[in-house]
Amino acid sequence: CGQVRTVFVSHPNLDHFSGLLDIVRFCEVGEVVVHDSFVASAKRMPAVDAFLAGVAQRGVPVRTVSAGDSLRIGALDVRVMWPSRGFRTTRDNDFSLVLHITHESGTSMLMTGDIETEPAATLLARIRSGAAADEAPMCVDVMELPHHGSWREAVAELVREVGPTFLMQSTAR
């Protein structure tokens, strides 16, 4: 396996990180990026604790990010849209990192993890107010539908607002 500069882990649900430890073991990974809630969840979730221990054993740094943070990764600008620093909830899905990724060519995508109603509605309000897109309307070329395409009115409004050309949905049977 080759080099992976950055791995983002959306949130502490096993189906979103269980295979990543093998990537860290067999590829050269530069860093793992998570929200601080992911690190905090290690106290109550043995799988998260084992993942973080395995990452540390390989010497891969873990960076915590939150809404408002920006990263430059090669030709990509990555802006963290959700959640805010210190955000806490009882729903692990709502900890999902939401990333607005723009390639230097101008192509952009919105990765939403498994956010549900509250984060989708909050993000929608921030986008509409201009706070989430540096005071400019946000339009994206590609958008990942949150939570495997589960229906939520706030998500439908979010899709209408950002007007993606392509929608991605990951769903099992």
Protein backbone atom coordinates (compact mmCIF):
# COMPACT_ATOMS: atom_id res chain seq x y z
CA CYS A 1 0.00 0.00 0.00
CA GLY A 2 1.19 3.52 -0.69
CA GLN A 3 1.04 6.76 1.19
CA VAL A 4 -2.10 8.33 2.60
CA ARG A 5 -1.54 11.91 3.66
CA THR A 6 -4.64 12.38 5.80
CA VAL A 7 -7.43 10.15 7.09
CA PHE A 8 -10.62 11.81 8.35
CA VAL A 9 -12.82 9.83 10.74
CA SER A 10 -16.33 11.23 10.68
CA HIS A 11 -17.58 9.99 14.06
CA PRO A 12 -17.32 7.14 16.58
CA ASN A 13 -19.56 4.56 14.92
CA LEU A 14 -17.72 1.34 14.09
CA ASP A 15 -18.91 1.31 10.47
CA HIS A 16 -17.04 4.58 9.93
CA PHE A 17 -13.61 3.58 11.22
CA SER A 18 -13.29 -0.19 11.73
CA GLY A 19 -11.21 -0.80 8.59
CA LEU A 20 -8.97 2.21 9.07
CA LEU A 21 -6.62 0.55 11.52
CA ASP A 22 -5.57 -1.83 8.74
CA ILE A 23 -4.90 1.19 6.52
CA VAL A 24 -2.72 2.67 9.27
CA ARG A 25 -0.94 -0.68 9.73
CA PHE A 26 -0.20 -1.33 6.07
CA CYS A 27 0.11 2.15 4.55
CA GLU A 28 2.14 5.16 5.42
CA VAL A 29 -0.43 7.52 6.95
CA GLY A 30 0.53 11.12 7.70
CA GLU A 31 -2.21 11.94 10.20
CA VAL A 32 -5.68 11.04 11.41
CA VAL A 33 -8.17 13.90 11.79
CA VAL A 34 -11.15 13.68 14.17
CA HIS A 35 -13.43 15.88 16.24
CA ASP A 36 -12.59 16.02 19.96
CA SER A 37 -15.74 14.00 20.67
CA PHE A 38 -14.12 11.03 18.91
CA VAL A 39 -11.19 11.10 21.33
CA ALA A 40 -13.56 11.59 24.29
CA SER A 41 -15.64 8.59 23.20
CA ALA A 42 -12.67 6.26 23.79
CA LYS A 43 -13.61 6.26 27.50
CA ARG A 44 -16.95 4.56 26.74
CA MET A 45 -16.20 2.71 23.51
CA PRO A 46 -13.48 0.03 23.56
CA ALA A 47 -13.29 -0.02 19.74
CA VAL A 48 -12.43 3.69 19.61
CA ASP A 49 -9.88 3.21 22.38
CA ALA A 50 -8.29 0.30 20.46
CA PHE A 51 -8.24 2.33 17.24
CA LEU A 52 -6.55 5.32 18.89
CA ALA A 53 -4.05 3.02 20.64
CA GLY A 54 -3.24 1.32 17.33
CA VAL A 55 -2.77 4.68 15.61
CA ALA A 56 -0.48 5.86 18.42
CA GLN A 57 1.50 2.59 18.29
CA ARG A 58 2.24 3.30 14.61
CA GLY A 59 3.34 6.84 15.46
CA VAL A 60 0.56 8.48 13.47
CA PRO A 61 -0.47 11.84 14.94
CA VAL A 62 -4.16 12.49 15.68
CA ARG A 63 -5.38 16.03 15.04
CA THR A 64 -8.66 17.31 16.45
CA VAL A 65 -10.66 19.82 14.43
CA SER A 66 -13.97 21.61 14.76
CA ALA A 67 -16.23 24.00 12.86
CA GLY A 68 -14.28 26.95 11.52
CA ASP A 69 -10.98 25.10 11.14
CA SER A 70 -9.32 24.92 7.72
CA LEU A 71 -6.66 22.57 6.42
CA ARG A 72 -4.65 22.61 3.21
CA ILE A 73 -3.93 19.08 1.98
CA GLY A 74 -2.11 19.07 -1.34
CA ALA A 75 -4.46 20.61 -3.90
CA LEU A 76 -7.40 20.57 -1.48
CA ASP A 77 -8.75 23.18 0.88
CA VAL A 78 -10.77 21.49 3.63
CA ARG A 79 -13.09 23.57 5.78
CA VAL A 80 -14.71 21.97 8.81
CA MET A 81 -18.37 22.99 8.91
CA TRP A 82 -19.62 20.87 11.85
CA PRO A 83 -19.46 20.20 14.83
CA SER A 84 -18.26 23.10 16.94
CA ARG A 85 -15.46 22.61 19.47
CA GLY A 86 -16.76 20.93 22.60
CA PHE A 87 -20.12 20.00 21.03
CA ARG A 88 -21.73 17.13 22.94
CA THR A 89 -24.88 15.11 22.35
CA THR A 90 -26.19 11.65 23.13
CA ARG A 91 -26.33 10.80 19.39
CA ASP A 92 -23.00 9.66 17.98
CA ASN A 93 -24.21 10.39 14.43
CA ASP A 94 -24.50 14.09 15.25
CA PHE A 95 -20.77 14.21 16.05
CA SER A 96 -20.05 13.57 12.36
CA LEU A 97 -17.51 15.84 10.79
CA VAL A 98 -19.01 17.85 7.95
CA LEU A 99 -16.32 18.91 5.51
CA HIS A 100 -16.48 21.37 2.62
CA ILE A 101 -13.65 20.29 0.34
CA THR A 102 -12.52 22.43 -2.60
CA HIS A 103 -9.94 21.35 -5.15
CA GLU A 104 -7.71 24.09 -6.54
CA SER A 105 -9.55 23.61 -9.87
CA GLY A 106 -12.69 24.93 -8.16
CA THR A 107 -14.53 21.61 -7.91
CA SER A 108 -16.06 21.21 -4.45
CA MET A 109 -17.84 18.63 -2.36
CA LEU A 110 -19.71 18.49 0.91
CA MET A 111 -19.04 15.39 3.02
CA THR A 112 -21.69 14.98 5.72
CA GLY A 113 -21.03 11.72 7.56
CA ASP A 114 -24.13 10.61 9.45
CA ILE A 115 -25.51 13.96 10.62
CA GLU A 116 -29.19 13.94 11.42
CA THR A 117 -31.78 16.68 11.96
CA GLU A 118 -30.12 19.06 14.45
CA PRO A 119 -26.77 19.40 12.67
CA ALA A 120 -28.42 19.56 9.23
CA ALA A 121 -30.77 22.33 10.36
CA THR A 122 -27.98 24.23 12.11
CA LEU A 123 -25.70 23.94 9.11
CA LEU A 124 -28.51 25.04 6.79
CA ALA A 125 -29.13 28.13 8.93
CA ARG A 126 -25.42 28.98 8.94
CA ILE A 127 -25.18 28.59 5.17
CA ARG A 128 -28.27 30.72 4.61
CA SER A 129 -26.91 33.44 6.89
CA GLY A 130 -23.54 33.39 5.08
CA ALA A 131 -21.69 32.40 8.26
CA ALA A 132 -20.66 29.00 6.91
CA ALA A 133 -19.31 30.12 3.56
CA ASP A 134 -17.38 33.31 4.25
CA GLU A 135 -20.49 35.38 3.53
CA ALA A 136 -20.95 33.88 0.05
CA PRO A 137 -23.62 31.36 -0.99
CA MET A 138 -22.36 27.80 -0.83
CA CYS A 139 -22.77 25.71 -3.95
CA VAL A 140 -21.08 22.35 -4.35
CA ASP A 141 -20.49 19.98 -7.24
CA VAL A 142 -20.79 16.81 -5.16
CA MET A 143 -22.64 16.16 -1.91
CA GLU A 144 -22.71 13.05 0.22
CA LEU A 145 -26.22 12.45 1.53
CA PRO A 146 -26.12 12.30 5.32
CA HIS A 147 -26.71 9.08 7.23
CA HIS A 148 -26.75 6.80 4.19
CA GLY A 149 -29.57 8.80 2.60
CA SER A 150 -32.00 8.57 5.52
CA TRP A 151 -34.92 10.95 5.05
CA ARG A 152 -34.88 14.17 7.06
CA GLU A 153 -36.68 17.37 6.03
CA ALA A 154 -33.66 19.46 7.06
CA VAL A 155 -31.46 17.36 4.77
CA ALA A 156 -33.79 17.90 1.80
CA GLU A 157 -33.60 21.65 2.46
CA LEU A 158 -29.80 21.44 2.74
CA VAL A 159 -29.61 19.68 -0.64
CA ARG A 160 -31.81 22.37 -2.21
CA GLU A 161 -29.67 25.11 -0.68
CA VAL A 162 -26.24 23.87 -1.80
CA GLY A 163 -27.49 22.66 -5.21
CA PRO A 164 -25.11 19.78 -5.90
CA THR A 165 -24.71 18.46 -9.42
CA PHE A 166 -24.07 14.96 -8.05
CA LEU A 167 -25.37 13.28 -4.89
CA MET A 168 -23.60 10.31 -3.31
CA GLN A 169 -25.44 7.80 -1.17
CA SER A 170 -23.84 4.86 0.59
CA THR A 171 -26.40 2.26 1.58
CA ALA A 172 -26.28 -1.42 2.31
CA ARG A 173 -29.20 -3.77 1.79
